Amino acid sequence: MLLAIPPLQAETLFNIGPLPITNSYVNTTLATIVFIVVAFFVQRGIKKYYTKNVAPKGFLNFLEALVEYMFGYLDQVTADRKKSLKFLPFIGGFFFFILFANWLGLMPGTGSIYMWGMHHGEVHMLPVFRPSNTDLNMTLAMAVLAVATSHLFGIAAIGFFRYLNKFIKLGDLYKAIISFNPVKILTAIVEFFVGIIEIFSEVAKMVSLSLRLYGNVFAGEVLLTVLAGLVAVFVPLPFIALEILVGLIQATVFSMLTLVYFNMATMEHGGHDSDHEHVETSKEEPVRTPTI
């Protein structure tokens, strides 16, 4: 029997008051519960080993090595351990959540366990489980959170008005006008409109982050559904292995782009003296972007 190809929009299984519960939300909730349980046992392990100054063992030792590796990876981009310490909770959170959510969508039962539910006003057999990142609402929410957090980091690093001047360059325009220098005035006008374009680029970041993740994961889900309905049970296995790799790659791409946004937001731009000093310092310690 052919399995139903998942629609673009996540299906609503039932409602809790005005809140619709979709099948993608079920997977998201399961992923969140797993994270809470893991965090609970990790916290217990930290109290057991670190408060007694004893070397961790087993899974906790693996997590410690993983965190150290991630710190080294972040340091390649930020060239500043203080920044890495601030960014790691967000970057690590995005990476592990997206990775686990993608892999959870490959577990048996996803797309093959059904229940009766209302869809577009009609009763249908709806899949109970759907990968979280095949819902554009989910990927867009993470993208908005990533870009909005980058702005908060930027404001905290260089101040509200100086950060705002990256986009709305009224301060530079005012200084150019009172200088009565035509070249400076023309340059300031051009930079003012460039700043306006930067505002649209921030919206483009959200769109590209969300659509890239959604498109890749949704395409993989459609491919596996079609193969499972057409061919023998063992034939889709190589494609499942490929989707495991794709899930890892997409989690890495999303988290690394977010890291780049964080780092760019906390760097000063413009023609100020402090900016020139920053550039000279960065030449001594070049920032290397790791290859994805």
Protein backbone atom coordinates (compact mmCIF):
# COMPACT_ATOMS: atom_id res chain seq x y z
CA MET A 1 0.00 0.00 0.00
CA LEU A 2 1.27 3.46 -0.87
CA LEU A 3 1.88 5.73 2.08
CA ALA A 4 0.43 9.24 1.92
CA ILE A 5 2.96 11.87 0.93
CA PRO A 6 3.14 14.43 3.77
CA PRO A 7 1.58 17.80 2.90
CA LEU A 8 3.55 21.04 3.14
CA GLN A 9 1.64 22.07 6.26
CA ALA A 10 1.71 20.05 9.47
CA GLU A 11 -1.63 18.39 10.21
CA THR A 12 -3.64 19.31 13.31
CA LEU A 13 -4.42 16.23 15.41
CA PHE A 14 -6.62 17.94 17.98
CA ASN A 15 -7.05 21.25 19.80
CA ILE A 16 -6.50 22.26 23.40
CA GLY A 17 -8.77 25.27 23.59
CA PRO A 18 -7.59 27.67 20.86
CA LEU A 19 -4.19 25.92 20.61
CA PRO A 20 -3.90 23.43 17.73
CA ILE A 21 -1.72 20.39 18.43
CA THR A 22 -0.01 19.30 15.22
CA ASN A 23 1.86 16.06 14.55
CA SER A 24 5.12 18.02 14.21
CA TYR A 25 4.46 19.54 17.63
CA VAL A 26 4.24 16.00 19.07
CA ASN A 27 7.78 15.28 17.86
CA THR A 28 8.97 18.64 19.16
CA THR A 29 7.51 17.87 22.58
CA LEU A 30 9.20 14.45 22.64
CA ALA A 31 12.54 16.01 21.74
CA THR A 32 12.12 18.62 24.47
CA ILE A 33 11.26 15.96 27.07
CA VAL A 34 14.39 13.99 26.14
CA PHE A 35 16.50 17.12 26.54
CA ILE A 36 15.01 17.81 29.97
CA VAL A 37 15.67 14.23 31.12
CA VAL A 38 19.26 14.31 29.84
CA ALA A 39 19.84 17.70 31.49
CA PHE A 40 18.53 16.30 34.80
CA PHE A 41 20.96 13.38 34.82
CA VAL A 42 23.84 15.56 33.61
CA GLN A 43 23.17 17.94 36.48
CA ARG A 44 23.25 15.01 38.91
CA GLY A 45 26.53 13.87 37.38
CA ILE A 46 28.03 17.33 37.74
CA LYS A 47 27.15 17.38 41.43
CA LYS A 48 28.57 13.88 41.87
CA TYR A 49 31.92 14.39 40.14
CA TYR A 50 32.82 18.06 39.95
CA THR A 51 31.88 19.05 43.50
CA LYS A 52 34.15 16.24 44.73
CA ASN A 53 36.90 17.13 42.24
CA VAL A 54 36.68 13.66 40.68
CA ALA A 55 37.21 13.00 36.96
CA PRO A 56 33.89 12.28 35.19
CA LYS A 57 33.19 8.89 33.66
CA GLY A 58 31.06 7.44 30.92
CA PHE A 59 28.50 9.66 29.24
CA LEU A 60 29.48 12.72 31.27
CA ASN A 61 33.07 12.32 30.16
CA PHE A 62 31.88 12.14 26.55
CA LEU A 63 29.87 15.35 27.01
CA GLU A 64 32.88 17.11 28.53
CA ALA A 65 35.03 16.15 25.54
CA LEU A 66 32.25 17.27 23.19
CA VAL A 67 31.98 20.66 24.89
CA GLU A 68 35.74 21.14 24.68
CA TYR A 69 35.64 20.31 20.97
CA MET A 70 32.83 22.80 20.42
CA PHE A 71 34.75 25.49 22.29
CA GLY A 72 37.68 24.95 19.96
CA TYR A 73 35.37 25.16 16.97
CA LEU A 74 33.77 28.41 18.20
CA ASP A 75 37.17 29.91 18.99
CA GLN A 76 38.15 29.53 15.34
CA VAL A 77 35.35 31.94 14.42
CA THR A 78 35.31 34.32 17.37
CA ALA A 79 39.06 34.32 18.22
CA ASP A 80 37.84 35.20 21.71
CA ARG A 81 37.08 32.66 24.45
CA LYS A 82 34.84 35.16 26.27
CA LYS A 83 32.60 35.38 23.20
CA SER A 84 32.65 31.62 22.84
CA LEU A 85 31.47 31.25 26.44
CA LYS A 86 28.52 33.55 25.71
CA PHE A 87 27.63 31.96 22.39
CA LEU A 88 28.00 28.27 23.25
CA PRO A 89 24.65 27.78 25.08
CA PHE A 90 22.77 29.11 22.05
CA ILE A 91 24.89 27.48 19.36
CA GLY A 92 25.02 24.16 21.20
CA GLY A 93 21.30 24.32 21.92
CA PHE A 94 20.42 24.91 18.27
CA PHE A 95 22.80 22.22 17.06
CA PHE A 96 21.72 19.43 19.39
CA PHE A 97 18.02 20.22 19.19
CA ILE A 98 17.99 20.30 15.38
CA LEU A 99 20.16 17.19 15.20
CA PHE A 100 18.02 15.19 17.61
CA ALA A 101 14.76 16.44 16.07
CA ASN A 102 15.98 15.39 12.61
CA TRP A 103 17.05 11.95 13.80
CA LEU A 104 13.88 11.48 15.83
CA GLY A 105 11.95 11.88 12.60
CA LEU A 106 13.71 8.78 11.24
CA MET A 107 12.56 6.54 14.07
CA PRO A 108 10.05 3.75 13.31
CA GLY A 109 6.48 4.98 13.61
CA THR A 110 7.08 8.43 12.15
CA GLY A 111 4.62 8.82 9.30
CA SER A 112 3.27 5.27 9.70
CA ILE A 113 1.18 5.46 12.90
CA TYR A 114 -2.19 7.09 12.26
CA MET A 115 -5.18 8.43 14.17
CA TRP A 116 -8.47 9.99 13.15
CA GLY A 117 -8.45 13.76 13.09
CA MET A 118 -9.90 16.86 11.44
CA HIS A 119 -7.95 18.34 8.53
CA HIS A 120 -9.39 21.30 6.59
CA GLY A 121 -12.80 20.59 8.09
CA GLU A 122 -12.85 16.93 7.05
CA VAL A 123 -12.14 13.73 8.98
CA HIS A 124 -8.92 12.03 7.83
CA MET A 125 -6.44 9.44 8.99
CA LEU A 126 -3.53 11.62 10.11
CA PRO A 127 0.03 10.54 11.01
CA VAL A 128 0.66 10.99 14.72
CA PHE A 129 4.36 11.75 14.33
CA ARG A 130 5.99 14.15 11.86
CA PRO A 131 9.58 15.45 11.99
CA SER A 132 9.69 18.79 13.81
CA ASN A 133 11.67 20.57 11.10
CA THR A 134 9.21 19.65 8.36
CA ASP A 135 7.01 22.37 9.85
CA LEU A 136 7.90 25.82 8.55
CA ASN A 137 6.51 27.39 11.73
CA MET A 138 9.20 25.56 13.71
CA THR A 139 12.14 26.45 11.49
CA LEU A 140 10.99 30.06 11.14
CA ALA A 141 10.66 30.40 14.92
CA MET A 142 14.24 29.17 15.40
CA ALA A 143 15.50 31.50 12.65
CA VAL A 144 13.78 34.52 14.20
CA LEU A 145 15.20 33.57 17.61
CA ALA A 146 18.71 33.22 16.15
CA VAL A 147 18.69 36.60 14.36
CA ALA A 148 16.97 38.42 17.24
CA THR A 149 19.51 37.02 19.71
CA SER A 150 22.35 38.20 17.47
CA HIS A 151 21.01 41.75 17.76
CA LEU A 152 20.80 41.48 21.53
CA PHE A 153 24.42 40.33 21.64
CA GLY A 154 25.36 43.26 19.39
CA ILE A 155 23.59 45.79 21.58
CA ALA A 156 25.19 44.35 24.71
CA ALA A 157 28.65 44.43 23.10
CA ILE A 158 28.80 47.91 21.54
CA GLY A 159 25.82 49.78 22.98
CA PHE A 160 22.31 50.46 21.70
CA PHE A 161 22.89 53.66 19.72
CA ARG A 162 26.19 52.58 18.16
CA TYR A 163 24.62 49.29 17.14
CA LEU A 164 21.56 51.07 15.76
CA ASN A 165 23.91 53.25 13.70
CA LYS A 166 24.85 50.12 11.71
CA PHE A 167 21.39 50.20 10.16
CA ILE A 168 20.11 53.76 10.53
CA LYS A 169 23.19 55.93 10.05
CA LEU A 170 21.67 59.23 11.16
CA GLY A 171 24.67 59.99 13.37
CA ASP A 172 27.15 59.70 10.52
CA LEU A 173 24.85 61.69 8.23
CA TYR A 174 24.57 64.49 10.79
CA LYS A 175 28.34 64.69 11.28
CA ALA A 176 28.86 64.82 7.52
CA ILE A 177 26.33 67.63 7.08
CA ILE A 178 27.81 69.84 9.78
CA SER A 179 31.29 69.31 8.27
CA PHE A 180 30.12 71.00 5.03
CA ASN A 181 32.33 68.59 3.11
CA PRO A 182 30.54 67.50 -0.12
CA VAL A 183 32.49 64.24 -0.34
CA LYS A 184 31.67 63.30 3.24
CA ILE A 185 28.02 64.26 2.75
CA LEU A 186 27.74 62.13 -0.40
CA THR A 187 29.46 59.21 1.33
CA ALA A 188 27.16 59.51 4.33
CA ILE A 189 24.07 59.53 2.09
CA VAL A 190 25.26 56.39 0.32
CA GLU A 191 26.02 54.70 3.67
CA PHE A 192 22.58 55.71 4.94
CA PHE A 193 20.86 53.82 2.13
CA VAL A 194 23.27 50.91 2.54
CA GLY A 195 22.16 50.74 6.18
CA ILE A 196 18.54 50.56 5.05
CA ILE A 197 19.48 47.64 2.79
CA GLU A 198 21.09 45.98 5.82
CA ILE A 199 17.68 45.96 7.51
CA PHE A 200 16.26 43.93 4.63
CA SER A 201 19.26 41.61 4.80
CA GLU A 202 18.34 40.77 8.40
CA VAL A 203 14.90 39.66 7.20
CA ALA A 204 16.59 37.66 4.44
CA LYS A 205 18.66 35.87 7.09
CA MET A 206 15.50 34.65 8.79
CA VAL A 207 13.96 33.52 5.52
CA SER A 208 17.08 31.71 4.29
CA LEU A 209 17.75 29.97 7.63
CA SER A 210 14.20 28.72 7.95
CA LEU A 211 13.63 27.68 4.33
CA ARG A 212 16.99 25.91 4.03
CA LEU A 213 16.33 23.70 7.04
CA TYR A 214 12.66 23.14 6.23
CA GLY A 215 13.28 22.36 2.56
CA ASN A 216 16.05 19.82 3.12
CA VAL A 217 14.32 17.93 5.93
CA PHE A 218 10.91 17.96 4.20
CA ALA A 219 12.41 16.74 0.93
CA GLY A 220 14.05 13.84 2.77
CA GLU A 221 10.76 12.93 4.45
CA VAL A 222 8.94 12.88 1.09
CA LEU A 223 11.70 10.74 -0.45
CA LEU A 224 11.57 8.16 2.34
CA THR A 225 7.77 8.06 2.22
CA VAL A 226 7.74 7.43 -1.52
CA LEU A 227 10.42 4.71 -1.28
CA ALA A 228 8.69 3.01 1.65
CA GLY A 229 5.47 2.81 -0.36
CA LEU A 230 7.02 1.59 -3.60
CA VAL A 231 9.87 -0.79 -2.84
CA ALA A 232 10.91 -3.54 -0.42
CA VAL A 233 11.64 -2.77 3.19
CA PHE A 234 15.44 -3.04 2.92
CA VAL A 235 15.83 -0.82 -0.17
CA PRO A 236 15.22 2.51 1.68
CA LEU A 237 17.94 1.74 4.26
CA PRO A 238 20.76 3.49 2.32
CA PHE A 239 18.54 6.54 1.99
CA ILE A 240 17.84 6.48 5.72
CA ALA A 241 21.60 6.47 6.29
CA LEU A 242 21.84 9.43 3.92
CA GLU A 243 19.14 11.28 5.86
CA ILE A 244 21.10 10.68 9.08
CA LEU A 245 24.02 12.48 7.42
CA VAL A 246 21.75 15.21 6.07
CA GLY A 247 20.33 15.76 9.57
CA LEU A 248 23.85 16.25 10.92
CA ILE A 249 24.82 18.59 8.08
CA GLN A 250 21.71 20.75 8.42
CA ALA A 251 22.18 21.06 12.19
CA THR A 252 25.80 22.10 11.58
CA VAL A 253 24.91 24.61 8.87
CA PHE A 254 22.17 26.25 10.94
CA SER A 255 24.29 26.51 14.09
CA MET A 256 27.42 27.72 12.28
CA LEU A 257 25.53 30.41 10.36
CA THR A 258 24.00 31.50 13.65
CA LEU A 259 27.49 31.68 15.14
CA VAL A 260 28.65 33.86 12.24
CA TYR A 261 25.66 36.17 12.79
CA PHE A 262 26.47 36.41 16.50
CA ASN A 263 30.12 37.21 15.80
CA MET A 264 29.34 39.80 13.12
CA ALA A 265 26.80 41.52 15.36
CA THR A 266 29.37 41.98 18.14
CA MET A 267 31.97 43.54 15.82
CA GLU A 268 32.03 47.29 15.35
CA HIS A 269 31.80 48.78 11.87
CA GLY A 270 32.21 52.22 10.42
CA GLY A 271 34.84 54.87 10.25
CA HIS A 272 35.53 55.33 13.96
CA ASP A 273 39.01 55.18 15.39
CA SER A 274 38.08 52.28 17.62
CA ASP A 275 37.03 50.36 14.54
CA HIS A 276 40.45 50.86 12.93
CA GLU A 277 42.07 49.62 16.12
CA HIS A 278 39.83 46.58 16.00
CA VAL A 279 40.86 45.86 12.41
CA GLU A 280 44.56 46.12 13.27
CA THR A 281 44.07 43.77 16.20
CA SER A 282 42.20 41.31 14.03
CA LYS A 283 45.14 41.26 11.61
CA GLU A 284 47.39 40.03 14.37
CA GLU A 285 44.90 37.31 15.31
CA PRO A 286 43.08 36.37 12.09
CA VAL A 287 39.65 34.86 12.41
CA ARG A 288 39.37 31.58 10.57
CA THR A 289 36.01 30.34 9.41
CA PRO A 290 35.84 26.55 9.59
CA THR A 291 34.83 24.69 6.48
CA ILE A 292 31.38 23.09 6.75
